[in-house]
Amino acid sequence: MNRLVLSAKLVQRGALRYTPAGLPALDLSLEHQSEASQEGQARKVSLQMKAVAIGSMVAPVTTLPLGSEARFAGFLATARNGRGLLFHITEVLA
């Protein structure tokens, strides 16, 4: 199963574009900071992740102010350029 739920801050939102299929799309940058336990030791986790909202997900992401925290759900896929991963947002959770 390929499903990711991430609490993150919206730090960057690109210009609205359209996919070859004519769907609206927004490129985003999300930032996450938390603490996790690994082998019984506390570990600070910090990451910045590229994400995309396509179709009906563009509207909810557009209404989020930059710097706001939200929970995003979706799946991971290879980025368009074939390098790295891209988080495809399918839900913005309250």
N, C-alpha and C. Protein backbone atom coordinates (compact mmCIF):
# COMPACT_ATOMS: atom_id res chain seq x y z
N MET A 1 0.84 -1.18 0.00
CA MET A 1 0.00 0.00 0.00
C MET A 1 0.88 1.24 0.00
N ASN A 2 0.55 2.22 -0.79
CA ASN A 2 1.30 3.45 -0.91
C ASN A 2 0.41 4.59 -0.43
N ARG A 3 0.47 4.89 0.87
CA ARG A 3 -0.33 5.98 1.44
C ARG A 3 0.52 6.69 2.48
N LEU A 4 0.50 8.01 2.40
CA LEU A 4 1.26 8.83 3.32
C LEU A 4 0.33 9.86 3.93
N VAL A 5 0.40 10.01 5.25
CA VAL A 5 -0.31 11.09 5.95
C VAL A 5 0.78 11.87 6.67
N LEU A 6 0.84 13.16 6.39
CA LEU A 6 1.92 13.99 6.91
C LEU A 6 1.37 15.29 7.46
N SER A 7 1.73 15.60 8.71
CA SER A 7 1.45 16.92 9.27
C SER A 7 2.59 17.81 8.83
N ALA A 8 2.24 18.90 8.17
CA ALA A 8 3.30 19.74 7.61
C ALA A 8 2.83 21.17 7.46
N LYS A 9 3.80 22.05 7.28
CA LYS A 9 3.55 23.46 7.04
C LYS A 9 3.69 23.71 5.54
N LEU A 10 2.75 24.46 4.98
CA LEU A 10 2.81 24.84 3.57
C LEU A 10 3.78 26.01 3.45
N VAL A 11 4.94 25.79 2.82
CA VAL A 11 5.96 26.84 2.77
C VAL A 11 6.10 27.48 1.39
N GLN A 12 5.61 26.81 0.36
CA GLN A 12 5.71 27.40 -0.98
C GLN A 12 4.59 26.85 -1.86
N ARG A 13 4.05 27.72 -2.69
CA ARG A 13 3.00 27.32 -3.63
C ARG A 13 3.36 27.93 -4.98
N GLY A 14 3.47 27.08 -6.00
CA GLY A 14 3.80 27.55 -7.34
C GLY A 14 2.60 28.17 -8.03
N ALA A 15 2.81 28.60 -9.25
CA ALA A 15 1.73 29.17 -10.06
C ALA A 15 0.82 28.04 -10.57
N LEU A 16 -0.44 28.37 -10.72
CA LEU A 16 -1.39 27.39 -11.26
C LEU A 16 -0.97 27.02 -12.67
N ARG A 17 -0.96 25.73 -12.94
CA ARG A 17 -0.65 25.22 -14.28
C ARG A 17 -1.68 24.17 -14.62
N TYR A 18 -1.60 23.64 -15.81
CA TYR A 18 -2.55 22.61 -16.25
C TYR A 18 -1.79 21.40 -16.78
N THR A 19 -2.27 20.22 -16.45
CA THR A 19 -1.68 18.98 -16.94
C THR A 19 -2.02 18.82 -18.42
N PRO A 20 -1.34 17.91 -19.14
CA PRO A 20 -1.71 17.66 -20.53
C PRO A 20 -3.16 17.22 -20.70
N ALA A 21 -3.74 16.65 -19.64
CA ALA A 21 -5.15 16.24 -19.68
C ALA A 21 -6.10 17.41 -19.38
N GLY A 22 -5.54 18.59 -19.12
CA GLY A 22 -6.36 19.77 -18.87
C GLY A 22 -6.76 19.98 -17.41
N LEU A 23 -6.20 19.21 -16.50
CA LEU A 23 -6.53 19.36 -15.07
C LEU A 23 -5.66 20.44 -14.44
N PRO A 24 -6.23 21.26 -13.54
CA PRO A 24 -5.41 22.24 -12.84
C PRO A 24 -4.43 21.53 -11.90
N ALA A 25 -3.25 22.11 -11.73
CA ALA A 25 -2.22 21.51 -10.86
C ALA A 25 -1.43 22.62 -10.17
N LEU A 26 -1.06 22.36 -8.93
CA LEU A 26 -0.23 23.27 -8.15
C LEU A 26 0.95 22.51 -7.58
N ASP A 27 2.15 23.02 -7.80
CA ASP A 27 3.35 22.46 -7.19
C ASP A 27 3.52 23.14 -5.84
N LEU A 28 3.83 22.34 -4.82
CA LEU A 28 3.92 22.83 -3.45
C LEU A 28 5.22 22.38 -2.80
N SER A 29 5.57 23.05 -1.74
CA SER A 29 6.67 22.62 -0.89
C SER A 29 6.14 22.56 0.54
N LEU A 30 6.32 21.42 1.19
CA LEU A 30 5.86 21.20 2.55
C LEU A 30 7.06 21.02 3.47
N GLU A 31 6.92 21.48 4.70
CA GLU A 31 7.99 21.34 5.69
C GLU A 31 7.42 20.65 6.93
N HIS A 32 8.14 19.65 7.41
CA HIS A 32 7.69 18.87 8.57
C HIS A 32 8.79 18.86 9.62
N GLN A 33 8.38 19.03 10.89
CA GLN A 33 9.30 18.90 12.02
C GLN A 33 8.58 18.17 13.14
N SER A 34 9.24 17.17 13.69
CA SER A 34 8.65 16.42 14.80
C SER A 34 9.76 15.69 15.54
N GLU A 35 9.33 14.88 16.49
CA GLU A 35 10.26 14.03 17.22
C GLU A 35 9.74 12.60 17.13
N ALA A 36 10.62 11.67 16.83
CA ALA A 36 10.24 10.27 16.71
C ALA A 36 11.18 9.43 17.57
N SER A 37 10.75 8.23 17.87
CA SER A 37 11.56 7.31 18.65
C SER A 37 12.14 6.26 17.71
N GLN A 38 13.46 6.07 17.79
CA GLN A 38 14.13 5.06 16.98
C GLN A 38 15.07 4.28 17.89
N GLU A 39 14.85 2.98 17.98
CA GLU A 39 15.66 2.12 18.85
C GLU A 39 15.67 2.65 20.28
N GLY A 40 14.51 3.16 20.73
CA GLY A 40 14.39 3.64 22.10
C GLY A 40 14.97 5.02 22.34
N GLN A 41 15.48 5.64 21.32
CA GLN A 41 16.09 6.97 21.46
C GLN A 41 15.23 8.01 20.74
N ALA A 42 15.08 9.17 21.37
CA ALA A 42 14.34 10.27 20.74
C ALA A 42 15.19 10.84 19.61
N ARG A 43 14.52 11.16 18.51
CA ARG A 43 15.23 11.69 17.35
C ARG A 43 14.40 12.82 16.76
N LYS A 44 15.03 13.95 16.51
CA LYS A 44 14.36 15.06 15.85
C LYS A 44 14.30 14.77 14.36
N VAL A 45 13.13 14.97 13.79
CA VAL A 45 12.92 14.72 12.37
C VAL A 45 12.55 16.04 11.72
N SER A 46 13.25 16.39 10.66
CA SER A 46 12.98 17.61 9.93
C SER A 46 13.14 17.31 8.44
N LEU A 47 12.15 17.71 7.64
CA LEU A 47 12.26 17.46 6.21
C LEU A 47 11.48 18.48 5.42
N GLN A 48 11.88 18.66 4.19
CA GLN A 48 11.14 19.48 3.25
C GLN A 48 10.82 18.56 2.07
N MET A 49 9.58 18.61 1.61
CA MET A 49 9.14 17.67 0.59
C MET A 49 8.38 18.41 -0.51
N LYS A 50 8.67 18.01 -1.75
CA LYS A 50 7.91 18.53 -2.88
C LYS A 50 6.60 17.77 -2.97
N ALA A 51 5.53 18.50 -3.29
CA ALA A 51 4.22 17.90 -3.38
C ALA A 51 3.47 18.52 -4.56
N VAL A 52 2.39 17.87 -4.96
CA VAL A 52 1.54 18.39 -6.03
C VAL A 52 0.08 18.13 -5.68
N ALA A 53 -0.76 19.11 -5.99
CA ALA A 53 -2.21 18.97 -5.86
C ALA A 53 -2.77 19.07 -7.28
N ILE A 54 -3.59 18.10 -7.65
CA ILE A 54 -4.14 18.06 -9.01
C ILE A 54 -5.66 17.97 -8.94
N GLY A 55 -6.31 18.63 -9.89
CA GLY A 55 -7.76 18.55 -10.01
C GLY A 55 -8.49 19.17 -8.84
N SER A 56 -9.39 18.39 -8.23
CA SER A 56 -10.23 18.91 -7.15
C SER A 56 -9.44 19.28 -5.90
N MET A 57 -8.20 18.85 -5.79
CA MET A 57 -7.39 19.18 -4.61
C MET A 57 -6.76 20.56 -4.70
N VAL A 58 -6.81 21.19 -5.87
CA VAL A 58 -6.22 22.53 -6.02
C VAL A 58 -6.96 23.54 -5.14
N ALA A 59 -8.28 23.51 -5.13
CA ALA A 59 -9.06 24.50 -4.37
C ALA A 59 -8.75 24.48 -2.87
N PRO A 60 -8.78 23.31 -2.20
CA PRO A 60 -8.48 23.33 -0.76
C PRO A 60 -7.06 23.79 -0.44
N VAL A 61 -6.11 23.46 -1.29
CA VAL A 61 -4.72 23.85 -1.04
C VAL A 61 -4.54 25.35 -1.30
N THR A 62 -5.27 25.89 -2.24
CA THR A 62 -5.18 27.32 -2.54
C THR A 62 -5.68 28.16 -1.38
N THR A 63 -6.64 27.66 -0.63
CA THR A 63 -7.20 28.44 0.49
C THR A 63 -6.31 28.43 1.73
N LEU A 64 -5.34 27.53 1.79
CA LEU A 64 -4.43 27.48 2.94
C LEU A 64 -3.41 28.62 2.83
N PRO A 65 -3.30 29.44 3.87
CA PRO A 65 -2.28 30.50 3.84
C PRO A 65 -0.88 29.89 3.92
N LEU A 66 0.07 30.52 3.27
CA LEU A 66 1.47 30.07 3.39
C LEU A 66 1.86 30.14 4.86
N GLY A 67 2.58 29.14 5.32
CA GLY A 67 3.00 29.06 6.72
C GLY A 67 2.02 28.33 7.61
N SER A 68 0.86 27.96 7.07
CA SER A 68 -0.13 27.27 7.90
C SER A 68 0.17 25.78 7.96
N GLU A 69 -0.23 25.17 9.08
CA GLU A 69 -0.06 23.74 9.32
C GLU A 69 -1.33 23.01 8.91
N ALA A 70 -1.17 21.83 8.32
CA ALA A 70 -2.31 20.99 7.97
C ALA A 70 -1.83 19.55 7.91
N ARG A 71 -2.79 18.64 7.85
CA ARG A 71 -2.47 17.23 7.63
C ARG A 71 -2.83 16.91 6.18
N PHE A 72 -1.86 16.39 5.46
CA PHE A 72 -2.03 16.06 4.05
C PHE A 72 -1.96 14.55 3.90
N ALA A 73 -2.83 14.00 3.06
CA ALA A 73 -2.80 12.56 2.78
C ALA A 73 -2.67 12.38 1.28
N GLY A 74 -2.04 11.30 0.89
CA GLY A 74 -1.87 11.01 -0.53
C GLY A 74 -0.94 9.85 -0.75
N PHE A 75 -0.21 9.89 -1.85
CA PHE A 75 0.71 8.80 -2.19
C PHE A 75 2.00 9.37 -2.76
N LEU A 76 3.04 8.54 -2.75
CA LEU A 76 4.35 8.92 -3.28
C LEU A 76 4.53 8.32 -4.67
N ALA A 77 5.14 9.12 -5.55
CA ALA A 77 5.48 8.65 -6.90
C ALA A 77 6.80 9.28 -7.29
N THR A 78 7.40 8.78 -8.34
CA THR A 78 8.63 9.36 -8.86
C THR A 78 8.32 10.74 -9.43
N ALA A 79 9.20 11.68 -9.20
CA ALA A 79 9.02 13.03 -9.74
C ALA A 79 9.09 13.00 -11.27
N ARG A 80 8.55 14.04 -11.90
CA ARG A 80 8.50 14.10 -13.36
C ARG A 80 9.86 13.93 -14.01
N ASN A 81 10.90 14.49 -13.40
CA ASN A 81 12.24 14.39 -13.98
C ASN A 81 12.92 13.06 -13.67
N GLY A 82 12.22 12.19 -12.95
CA GLY A 82 12.78 10.88 -12.63
C GLY A 82 13.71 10.88 -11.43
N ARG A 83 13.90 12.03 -10.82
CA ARG A 83 14.79 12.13 -9.66
C ARG A 83 13.98 12.41 -8.41
N GLY A 84 14.11 11.58 -7.42
CA GLY A 84 13.45 11.80 -6.16
C GLY A 84 11.98 11.42 -6.17
N LEU A 85 11.33 11.75 -5.06
CA LEU A 85 9.92 11.41 -4.88
C LEU A 85 9.07 12.66 -4.88
N LEU A 86 7.81 12.51 -5.26
CA LEU A 86 6.84 13.58 -5.26
C LEU A 86 5.61 13.10 -4.52
N PHE A 87 5.14 13.88 -3.56
CA PHE A 87 3.97 13.57 -2.76
C PHE A 87 2.74 14.09 -3.49
N HIS A 88 1.88 13.21 -3.95
CA HIS A 88 0.62 13.56 -4.62
C HIS A 88 -0.46 13.66 -3.56
N ILE A 89 -0.95 14.87 -3.33
CA ILE A 89 -1.95 15.09 -2.28
C ILE A 89 -3.34 14.71 -2.80
N THR A 90 -4.02 13.84 -2.04
CA THR A 90 -5.38 13.44 -2.40
C THR A 90 -6.41 13.90 -1.37
N GLU A 91 -5.94 14.36 -0.19
CA GLU A 91 -6.83 14.86 0.86
C GLU A 91 -6.09 15.89 1.70
N VAL A 92 -6.83 16.89 2.14
CA VAL A 92 -6.35 17.80 3.18
C VAL A 92 -7.26 17.53 4.37
N LEU A 93 -6.66 17.02 5.46
CA LEU A 93 -7.43 16.60 6.63
C LEU A 93 -7.46 17.69 7.67
N ALA A 94 -8.55 17.76 8.40
CA ALA A 94 -8.70 18.78 9.46
C ALA A 94 -7.88 18.42 10.67
